[in-house]
Amino acid sequence: MRDEISVFGQVMQQQGLHAALEYLNSRTPHRYTGLFRFDGEVLRNEALFDRYQPAMRRGDDVPMAVTYCSLVGRQQAPLEITDATIDPHVLGLIDTPVISYCGVLVRDAQGQPFGTLCHYDMQRCQERTTDQPLLEAAAKLLYQQLQADRLQPSTLPEH
């Protein structure tokens, strides 16, 4: 586990946030791995890796009510769903095309819920539950990287 966190941290430092999400995604059967931010009634996508469209860097923002991320935020605990069409804990609870989901809470510097780090897919996926500790460790590092990136001055030329 320590080795995976170390590799994850190196990838993020050397190649950036998107490459770090790609590394996490390479360890799961899910199509998507994303970092999301809670913003009232909206779940904002901060960064996304799509296995079938690796050049995509960000997904759409969505209403909080149609996301499993909202449950992670409310419960402040990891959530794993192998098949939402038959899981009695979530069946009929959230109206979304997502079938498989594995997410952890991302906390801000004060320990408050910031958002989620998750793998998800519109197909049934069997998650490797041994990766959940890695997701939890990665969530903290990703939040720190996201904040550092926001503090960096823009490199775009001024017009």
N, C-alpha and C. Protein backbone atom coordinates (compact mmCIF):
# COMPACT_ATOMS: atom_id res chain seq x y z
N MET A 1 0.83 -1.20 0.00
CA MET A 1 0.00 0.00 0.00
C MET A 1 0.87 1.26 0.00
N ARG A 2 1.89 1.26 0.83
CA ARG A 2 2.78 2.42 0.89
C ARG A 2 3.43 2.68 -0.47
N ASP A 3 3.79 1.60 -1.17
CA ASP A 3 4.41 1.74 -2.49
C ASP A 3 3.46 2.40 -3.48
N GLU A 4 2.18 2.00 -3.45
CA GLU A 4 1.19 2.57 -4.37
C GLU A 4 1.00 4.06 -4.11
N ILE A 5 0.97 4.45 -2.83
CA ILE A 5 0.83 5.87 -2.49
C ILE A 5 2.05 6.64 -2.97
N SER A 6 3.22 6.05 -2.78
CA SER A 6 4.45 6.69 -3.22
C SER A 6 4.46 6.88 -4.74
N VAL A 7 4.10 5.83 -5.47
CA VAL A 7 4.04 5.92 -6.93
C VAL A 7 3.01 6.97 -7.35
N PHE A 8 1.84 6.94 -6.71
CA PHE A 8 0.80 7.92 -7.02
C PHE A 8 1.34 9.34 -6.82
N GLY A 9 1.98 9.58 -5.68
CA GLY A 9 2.52 10.91 -5.40
C GLY A 9 3.57 11.34 -6.41
N GLN A 10 4.43 10.42 -6.82
CA GLN A 10 5.44 10.73 -7.83
C GLN A 10 4.80 11.08 -9.17
N VAL A 11 3.81 10.29 -9.57
CA VAL A 11 3.12 10.57 -10.84
C VAL A 11 2.49 11.95 -10.80
N MET A 12 1.83 12.28 -9.69
CA MET A 12 1.17 13.58 -9.59
C MET A 12 2.18 14.71 -9.62
N GLN A 13 3.29 14.58 -8.89
CA GLN A 13 4.31 15.63 -8.86
C GLN A 13 4.96 15.83 -10.21
N GLN A 14 5.27 14.74 -10.88
CA GLN A 14 6.01 14.82 -12.13
C GLN A 14 5.13 15.06 -13.36
N GLN A 15 3.91 14.53 -13.34
CA GLN A 15 3.07 14.58 -14.55
C GLN A 15 1.75 15.31 -14.37
N GLY A 16 1.39 15.62 -13.13
CA GLY A 16 0.19 16.42 -12.90
C GLY A 16 -1.04 15.62 -12.49
N LEU A 17 -2.08 16.37 -12.24
CA LEU A 17 -3.33 15.84 -11.71
C LEU A 17 -3.98 14.83 -12.65
N HIS A 18 -4.05 15.13 -13.94
CA HIS A 18 -4.70 14.22 -14.89
C HIS A 18 -3.98 12.88 -14.95
N ALA A 19 -2.66 12.90 -14.97
CA ALA A 19 -1.88 11.66 -14.98
C ALA A 19 -2.09 10.88 -13.68
N ALA A 20 -2.26 11.58 -12.58
CA ALA A 20 -2.52 10.92 -11.31
C ALA A 20 -3.86 10.19 -11.34
N LEU A 21 -4.88 10.83 -11.94
CA LEU A 21 -6.18 10.17 -12.09
C LEU A 21 -6.06 8.96 -13.02
N GLU A 22 -5.25 9.10 -14.06
CA GLU A 22 -5.03 7.98 -14.98
C GLU A 22 -4.38 6.81 -14.24
N TYR A 23 -3.42 7.10 -13.38
CA TYR A 23 -2.78 6.04 -12.59
C TYR A 23 -3.82 5.32 -11.73
N LEU A 24 -4.66 6.07 -11.04
CA LEU A 24 -5.71 5.44 -10.22
C LEU A 24 -6.65 4.61 -11.09
N ASN A 25 -7.00 5.15 -12.26
CA ASN A 25 -7.92 4.46 -13.15
C ASN A 25 -7.33 3.15 -13.68
N SER A 26 -6.01 3.12 -13.85
CA SER A 26 -5.36 1.91 -14.37
C SER A 26 -5.49 0.73 -13.41
N ARG A 27 -5.87 1.01 -12.18
CA ARG A 27 -5.96 -0.02 -11.15
C ARG A 27 -7.39 -0.50 -10.93
N THR A 28 -8.33 -0.05 -11.76
CA THR A 28 -9.74 -0.38 -11.57
C THR A 28 -10.36 -0.78 -12.91
N PRO A 29 -11.45 -1.52 -12.87
CA PRO A 29 -12.15 -1.83 -14.13
C PRO A 29 -13.06 -0.70 -14.61
N HIS A 30 -13.28 0.32 -13.79
CA HIS A 30 -14.20 1.41 -14.13
C HIS A 30 -13.66 2.27 -15.27
N ARG A 31 -14.57 2.81 -16.06
CA ARG A 31 -14.19 3.67 -17.19
C ARG A 31 -13.68 5.03 -16.71
N TYR A 32 -14.33 5.60 -15.70
CA TYR A 32 -14.03 6.97 -15.28
C TYR A 32 -13.41 7.01 -13.89
N THR A 33 -12.51 7.96 -13.70
CA THR A 33 -12.01 8.32 -12.37
C THR A 33 -12.05 9.84 -12.31
N GLY A 34 -12.73 10.36 -11.30
CA GLY A 34 -12.90 11.81 -11.24
C GLY A 34 -12.74 12.40 -9.87
N LEU A 35 -12.41 13.68 -9.87
CA LEU A 35 -12.33 14.49 -8.66
C LEU A 35 -13.44 15.53 -8.76
N PHE A 36 -14.33 15.52 -7.77
CA PHE A 36 -15.50 16.38 -7.79
C PHE A 36 -15.55 17.26 -6.55
N ARG A 37 -16.17 18.45 -6.73
CA ARG A 37 -16.29 19.42 -5.64
C ARG A 37 -17.76 19.69 -5.37
N PHE A 38 -18.13 19.69 -4.09
CA PHE A 38 -19.50 20.04 -3.69
C PHE A 38 -19.67 21.55 -3.81
N ASP A 39 -20.75 21.97 -4.45
CA ASP A 39 -21.05 23.39 -4.60
C ASP A 39 -22.55 23.57 -4.48
N GLY A 40 -23.03 23.54 -3.24
CA GLY A 40 -24.47 23.66 -3.01
C GLY A 40 -25.22 22.49 -3.63
N GLU A 41 -26.11 22.79 -4.55
CA GLU A 41 -26.93 21.76 -5.20
C GLU A 41 -26.27 21.19 -6.45
N VAL A 42 -25.02 21.60 -6.72
CA VAL A 42 -24.31 21.17 -7.92
C VAL A 42 -23.03 20.44 -7.53
N LEU A 43 -22.74 19.38 -8.27
CA LEU A 43 -21.48 18.67 -8.12
C LEU A 43 -20.59 19.11 -9.28
N ARG A 44 -19.50 19.80 -8.95
CA ARG A 44 -18.60 20.36 -9.97
C ARG A 44 -17.47 19.37 -10.25
N ASN A 45 -17.23 19.11 -11.53
CA ASN A 45 -16.12 18.24 -11.89
C ASN A 45 -14.85 19.07 -11.98
N GLU A 46 -13.88 18.76 -11.13
CA GLU A 46 -12.60 19.46 -11.12
C GLU A 46 -11.62 18.83 -12.09
N ALA A 47 -11.66 17.51 -12.20
CA ALA A 47 -10.76 16.78 -13.11
C ALA A 47 -11.35 15.40 -13.35
N LEU A 48 -11.11 14.89 -14.57
CA LEU A 48 -11.68 13.60 -14.95
C LEU A 48 -10.72 12.84 -15.85
N PHE A 49 -10.64 11.54 -15.64
CA PHE A 49 -9.95 10.67 -16.58
C PHE A 49 -10.98 9.70 -17.13
N ASP A 50 -11.10 9.64 -18.46
CA ASP A 50 -12.00 8.74 -19.16
C ASP A 50 -11.14 7.76 -19.95
N ARG A 51 -11.21 6.50 -19.59
CA ARG A 51 -10.38 5.47 -20.22
C ARG A 51 -10.55 5.43 -21.74
N TYR A 52 -11.74 5.73 -22.25
CA TYR A 52 -12.00 5.67 -23.69
C TYR A 52 -11.73 6.98 -24.41
N GLN A 53 -11.60 8.06 -23.66
CA GLN A 53 -11.27 9.37 -24.22
C GLN A 53 -10.21 10.02 -23.32
N PRO A 54 -8.98 9.50 -23.35
CA PRO A 54 -7.94 9.97 -22.42
C PRO A 54 -7.58 11.44 -22.54
N ALA A 55 -7.88 12.06 -23.67
CA ALA A 55 -7.56 13.49 -23.83
C ALA A 55 -8.54 14.37 -23.04
N MET A 56 -9.71 13.84 -22.70
CA MET A 56 -10.70 14.60 -21.93
C MET A 56 -10.12 14.88 -20.55
N ARG A 57 -10.23 16.12 -20.11
CA ARG A 57 -9.67 16.53 -18.82
C ARG A 57 -10.73 16.83 -17.77
N ARG A 58 -11.94 17.07 -18.25
CA ARG A 58 -13.00 17.49 -17.34
C ARG A 58 -14.35 17.03 -17.88
N GLY A 59 -15.23 16.66 -16.96
CA GLY A 59 -16.58 16.26 -17.33
C GLY A 59 -17.56 17.36 -17.01
N ASP A 60 -18.82 17.06 -17.19
CA ASP A 60 -19.88 18.03 -16.93
C ASP A 60 -20.15 18.14 -15.43
N ASP A 61 -20.61 19.31 -15.03
CA ASP A 61 -21.15 19.48 -13.70
C ASP A 61 -22.56 18.90 -13.72
N VAL A 62 -23.01 18.35 -12.60
CA VAL A 62 -24.33 17.73 -12.55
C VAL A 62 -25.05 18.11 -11.25
N PRO A 63 -26.39 18.04 -11.28
CA PRO A 63 -27.12 18.30 -10.04
C PRO A 63 -26.72 17.27 -8.97
N MET A 64 -26.49 17.74 -7.78
CA MET A 64 -26.06 16.89 -6.68
C MET A 64 -27.04 15.73 -6.45
N ALA A 65 -28.32 15.98 -6.63
CA ALA A 65 -29.36 14.99 -6.33
C ALA A 65 -29.27 13.73 -7.19
N VAL A 66 -28.57 13.79 -8.32
CA VAL A 66 -28.51 12.62 -9.21
C VAL A 66 -27.14 11.94 -9.14
N THR A 67 -26.44 12.10 -8.01
CA THR A 67 -25.09 11.53 -7.89
C THR A 67 -24.94 10.67 -6.65
N TYR A 68 -24.13 9.64 -6.78
CA TYR A 68 -23.75 8.86 -5.62
C TYR A 68 -22.77 9.64 -4.75
N CYS A 69 -22.09 10.60 -5.35
CA CYS A 69 -21.19 11.46 -4.58
C CYS A 69 -21.95 12.18 -3.45
N SER A 70 -23.21 12.51 -3.71
CA SER A 70 -24.01 13.17 -2.67
C SER A 70 -24.16 12.28 -1.44
N LEU A 71 -24.26 10.96 -1.67
CA LEU A 71 -24.37 10.03 -0.54
C LEU A 71 -23.06 9.97 0.24
N VAL A 72 -21.93 9.99 -0.47
CA VAL A 72 -20.63 10.00 0.19
C VAL A 72 -20.52 11.25 1.06
N GLY A 73 -20.97 12.39 0.53
CA GLY A 73 -20.93 13.64 1.29
C GLY A 73 -21.82 13.61 2.52
N ARG A 74 -23.04 13.07 2.36
CA ARG A 74 -23.97 13.00 3.49
C ARG A 74 -23.49 12.04 4.57
N GLN A 75 -23.01 10.87 4.13
CA GLN A 75 -22.58 9.85 5.09
C GLN A 75 -21.16 10.10 5.60
N GLN A 76 -20.42 10.93 4.86
CA GLN A 76 -19.00 11.18 5.15
C GLN A 76 -18.26 9.87 5.34
N ALA A 77 -18.53 8.95 4.43
CA ALA A 77 -17.91 7.63 4.45
C ALA A 77 -17.79 7.12 3.02
N PRO A 78 -16.81 6.25 2.78
CA PRO A 78 -16.67 5.67 1.44
C PRO A 78 -17.94 4.91 1.04
N LEU A 79 -18.15 4.84 -0.26
CA LEU A 79 -19.32 4.12 -0.79
C LEU A 79 -18.86 3.28 -1.97
N GLU A 80 -19.27 2.02 -1.96
CA GLU A 80 -18.95 1.13 -3.06
C GLU A 80 -20.23 0.45 -3.53
N ILE A 81 -20.50 0.57 -4.83
CA ILE A 81 -21.68 -0.05 -5.44
C ILE A 81 -21.19 -0.86 -6.63
N THR A 82 -21.39 -2.16 -6.59
CA THR A 82 -21.00 -3.00 -7.71
C THR A 82 -22.04 -2.94 -8.82
N ASP A 83 -23.33 -2.99 -8.43
CA ASP A 83 -24.41 -2.95 -9.41
C ASP A 83 -25.62 -2.25 -8.80
N ALA A 84 -25.81 -0.99 -9.16
CA ALA A 84 -26.88 -0.18 -8.57
C ALA A 84 -28.27 -0.69 -8.93
N THR A 85 -28.37 -1.49 -9.99
CA THR A 85 -29.69 -1.99 -10.40
C THR A 85 -30.21 -3.08 -9.46
N ILE A 86 -29.32 -3.64 -8.62
CA ILE A 86 -29.77 -4.69 -7.70
C ILE A 86 -29.35 -4.43 -6.25
N ASP A 87 -28.57 -3.39 -5.99
CA ASP A 87 -28.09 -3.11 -4.64
C ASP A 87 -29.24 -2.51 -3.81
N PRO A 88 -29.70 -3.21 -2.78
CA PRO A 88 -30.85 -2.72 -2.01
C PRO A 88 -30.57 -1.41 -1.26
N HIS A 89 -29.31 -1.09 -1.00
CA HIS A 89 -28.97 0.14 -0.27
C HIS A 89 -29.17 1.39 -1.11
N VAL A 90 -29.11 1.27 -2.45
CA VAL A 90 -29.22 2.44 -3.31
C VAL A 90 -30.31 2.32 -4.37
N LEU A 91 -30.92 1.16 -4.49
CA LEU A 91 -31.95 0.93 -5.51
C LEU A 91 -33.08 1.96 -5.40
N GLY A 92 -33.26 2.73 -6.47
CA GLY A 92 -34.31 3.74 -6.51
C GLY A 92 -34.00 5.01 -5.75
N LEU A 93 -32.85 5.09 -5.14
CA LEU A 93 -32.48 6.25 -4.32
C LEU A 93 -31.96 7.42 -5.16
N ILE A 94 -31.17 7.10 -6.18
CA ILE A 94 -30.56 8.10 -7.04
C ILE A 94 -30.92 7.77 -8.48
N ASP A 95 -31.37 8.78 -9.24
CA ASP A 95 -31.73 8.58 -10.64
C ASP A 95 -30.54 8.94 -11.52
N THR A 96 -29.73 7.93 -11.86
CA THR A 96 -28.51 8.14 -12.62
C THR A 96 -28.23 6.92 -13.49
N PRO A 97 -27.55 7.12 -14.62
CA PRO A 97 -27.18 5.97 -15.44
C PRO A 97 -25.96 5.21 -14.90
N VAL A 98 -25.34 5.73 -13.83
CA VAL A 98 -24.17 5.07 -13.25
C VAL A 98 -24.61 3.76 -12.58
N ILE A 99 -23.94 2.67 -12.95
CA ILE A 99 -24.25 1.35 -12.40
C ILE A 99 -23.25 0.96 -11.31
N SER A 100 -21.96 1.20 -11.57
CA SER A 100 -20.92 0.86 -10.60
C SER A 100 -20.23 2.14 -10.13
N TYR A 101 -19.96 2.19 -8.84
CA TYR A 101 -19.40 3.40 -8.24
C TYR A 101 -18.55 3.01 -7.05
N CYS A 102 -17.43 3.66 -6.91
CA CYS A 102 -16.58 3.50 -5.72
C CYS A 102 -16.01 4.88 -5.43
N GLY A 103 -16.42 5.48 -4.32
CA GLY A 103 -15.99 6.84 -4.02
C GLY A 103 -15.61 7.04 -2.57
N VAL A 104 -14.72 8.02 -2.37
CA VAL A 104 -14.29 8.41 -1.03
C VAL A 104 -14.44 9.92 -0.89
N LEU A 105 -14.57 10.36 0.35
CA LEU A 105 -14.72 11.78 0.65
C LEU A 105 -13.38 12.50 0.55
N VAL A 106 -13.40 13.67 -0.04
CA VAL A 106 -12.24 14.56 -0.06
C VAL A 106 -12.55 15.67 0.95
N ARG A 107 -11.64 15.87 1.87
CA ARG A 107 -11.82 16.91 2.89
C ARG A 107 -10.90 18.08 2.60
N ASP A 108 -11.34 19.28 2.99
CA ASP A 108 -10.51 20.47 2.81
C ASP A 108 -9.48 20.55 3.94
N ALA A 109 -8.72 21.62 3.95
CA ALA A 109 -7.64 21.77 4.93
C ALA A 109 -8.16 21.83 6.37
N GLN A 110 -9.43 22.22 6.54
CA GLN A 110 -10.03 22.28 7.88
C GLN A 110 -10.75 20.98 8.25
N GLY A 111 -10.69 19.99 7.36
CA GLY A 111 -11.34 18.70 7.62
C GLY A 111 -12.80 18.65 7.22
N GLN A 112 -13.29 19.70 6.56
CA GLN A 112 -14.69 19.73 6.13
C GLN A 112 -14.84 19.05 4.77
N PRO A 113 -16.02 18.48 4.49
CA PRO A 113 -16.24 17.85 3.18
C PRO A 113 -16.06 18.85 2.05
N PHE A 114 -15.20 18.50 1.11
CA PHE A 114 -14.92 19.32 -0.07
C PHE A 114 -15.57 18.72 -1.31
N GLY A 115 -15.50 17.40 -1.42
CA GLY A 115 -16.02 16.71 -2.60
C GLY A 115 -15.70 15.24 -2.53
N THR A 116 -15.53 14.62 -3.70
CA THR A 116 -15.26 13.19 -3.74
C THR A 116 -14.19 12.87 -4.78
N LEU A 117 -13.56 11.75 -4.56
CA LEU A 117 -12.70 11.10 -5.54
C LEU A 117 -13.36 9.77 -5.81
N CYS A 118 -13.65 9.48 -7.07
CA CYS A 118 -14.40 8.25 -7.33
C CYS A 118 -14.06 7.62 -8.67
N HIS A 119 -14.33 6.32 -8.73
CA HIS A 119 -14.35 5.55 -9.97
C HIS A 119 -15.83 5.30 -10.24
N TYR A 120 -16.23 5.36 -11.52
CA TYR A 120 -17.62 5.01 -11.84
C TYR A 120 -17.73 4.55 -13.28
N ASP A 121 -18.86 3.87 -13.55
CA ASP A 121 -19.07 3.31 -14.89
C ASP A 121 -20.56 3.09 -15.10
N MET A 122 -20.96 3.12 -16.37
CA MET A 122 -22.35 2.85 -16.73
C MET A 122 -22.58 1.34 -16.91
N GLN A 123 -21.53 0.55 -16.72
CA GLN A 123 -21.58 -0.90 -16.78
C GLN A 123 -21.23 -1.46 -15.39
N ARG A 124 -21.61 -2.71 -15.15
CA ARG A 124 -21.28 -3.36 -13.89
C ARG A 124 -19.77 -3.63 -13.82
N CYS A 125 -19.16 -3.24 -12.71
CA CYS A 125 -17.73 -3.46 -12.50
C CYS A 125 -17.51 -4.04 -11.11
N GLN A 126 -16.60 -4.97 -11.02
CA GLN A 126 -16.22 -5.51 -9.72
C GLN A 126 -15.01 -4.72 -9.24
N GLU A 127 -15.17 -3.91 -8.22
CA GLU A 127 -14.09 -3.09 -7.69
C GLU A 127 -13.08 -3.94 -6.94
N ARG A 128 -11.85 -3.50 -6.96
CA ARG A 128 -10.81 -4.10 -6.12
C ARG A 128 -10.82 -3.35 -4.81
N THR A 129 -11.49 -3.88 -3.83
CA THR A 129 -11.66 -3.16 -2.56
C THR A 129 -10.33 -2.87 -1.88
N THR A 130 -9.30 -3.59 -2.24
CA THR A 130 -8.00 -3.31 -1.64
C THR A 130 -7.49 -1.94 -2.06
N ASP A 131 -8.07 -1.35 -3.11
CA ASP A 131 -7.64 -0.03 -3.55
C ASP A 131 -8.31 1.11 -2.79
N GLN A 132 -9.30 0.82 -1.96
CA GLN A 132 -9.99 1.89 -1.24
C GLN A 132 -9.04 2.68 -0.34
N PRO A 133 -8.12 2.06 0.39
CA PRO A 133 -7.16 2.86 1.17
C PRO A 133 -6.31 3.77 0.28
N LEU A 134 -5.97 3.30 -0.92
CA LEU A 134 -5.22 4.15 -1.84
C LEU A 134 -6.06 5.35 -2.26
N LEU A 135 -7.33 5.13 -2.55
CA LEU A 135 -8.21 6.25 -2.91
C LEU A 135 -8.28 7.27 -1.78
N GLU A 136 -8.39 6.78 -0.55
CA GLU A 136 -8.48 7.70 0.59
C GLU A 136 -7.20 8.51 0.75
N ALA A 137 -6.05 7.87 0.59
CA ALA A 137 -4.78 8.59 0.67
C ALA A 137 -4.63 9.55 -0.50
N ALA A 138 -5.04 9.11 -1.68
CA ALA A 138 -4.94 9.95 -2.88
C ALA A 138 -5.85 11.17 -2.77
N ALA A 139 -7.01 11.02 -2.14
CA ALA A 139 -7.94 12.14 -2.00
C ALA A 139 -7.29 13.32 -1.30
N LYS A 140 -6.55 13.04 -0.26
CA LYS A 140 -5.87 14.11 0.49
C LYS A 140 -4.81 14.79 -0.38
N LEU A 141 -4.01 13.99 -1.07
CA LEU A 141 -2.96 14.53 -1.94
C LEU A 141 -3.55 15.31 -3.11
N LEU A 142 -4.64 14.81 -3.67
CA LEU A 142 -5.28 15.51 -4.80
C LEU A 142 -5.84 16.87 -4.36
N TYR A 143 -6.42 16.92 -3.17
CA TYR A 143 -6.93 18.20 -2.68
C TYR A 143 -5.78 19.20 -2.54
N GLN A 144 -4.67 18.75 -1.97
CA GLN A 144 -3.52 19.63 -1.80
C GLN A 144 -3.00 20.11 -3.16
N GLN A 145 -2.95 19.21 -4.14
CA GLN A 145 -2.48 19.58 -5.48
C GLN A 145 -3.44 20.56 -6.14
N LEU A 146 -4.72 20.32 -5.99
CA LEU A 146 -5.73 21.22 -6.57
C LEU A 146 -5.58 22.62 -6.01
N GLN A 147 -5.36 22.73 -4.71
CA GLN A 147 -5.19 24.04 -4.09
C GLN A 147 -3.90 24.70 -4.56
N ALA A 148 -2.83 23.92 -4.67
CA ALA A 148 -1.55 24.47 -5.15
C ALA A 148 -1.68 24.96 -6.58
N ASP A 149 -2.40 24.20 -7.42
CA ASP A 149 -2.61 24.60 -8.82
C ASP A 149 -3.39 25.91 -8.90
N ARG A 150 -4.35 26.09 -7.99
CA ARG A 150 -5.15 27.32 -8.01
C ARG A 150 -4.34 28.54 -7.59
N LEU A 151 -3.30 28.30 -6.81
CA LEU A 151 -2.47 29.42 -6.36
C LEU A 151 -1.41 29.82 -7.38
N GLN A 152 -1.18 28.95 -8.37
CA GLN A 152 -0.19 29.24 -9.40
C GLN A 152 -0.70 30.38 -10.29
N PRO A 153 0.16 31.34 -10.63
CA PRO A 153 -0.27 32.39 -11.56
C PRO A 153 -0.53 31.79 -12.93
N SER A 154 -1.46 32.35 -13.62
CA SER A 154 -1.81 31.87 -14.95
C SER A 154 -0.63 32.02 -15.89
N THR A 155 -0.45 31.04 -16.75
CA THR A 155 0.62 31.11 -17.72
C THR A 155 0.12 31.55 -19.09
N LEU A 156 -1.14 31.94 -19.15
CA LEU A 156 -1.71 32.41 -20.42
C LEU A 156 -1.24 33.83 -20.70
N PRO A 157 -0.90 34.11 -21.94
CA PRO A 157 -0.49 35.49 -22.26
C PRO A 157 -1.67 36.45 -22.11
N GLU A 158 -1.37 37.65 -21.68
CA GLU A 158 -2.42 38.67 -21.55
C GLU A 158 -2.63 39.34 -22.89
N HIS A 159 -3.89 39.68 -23.14
CA HIS A 159 -4.24 40.36 -24.41
C HIS A 159 -4.60 41.80 -24.14
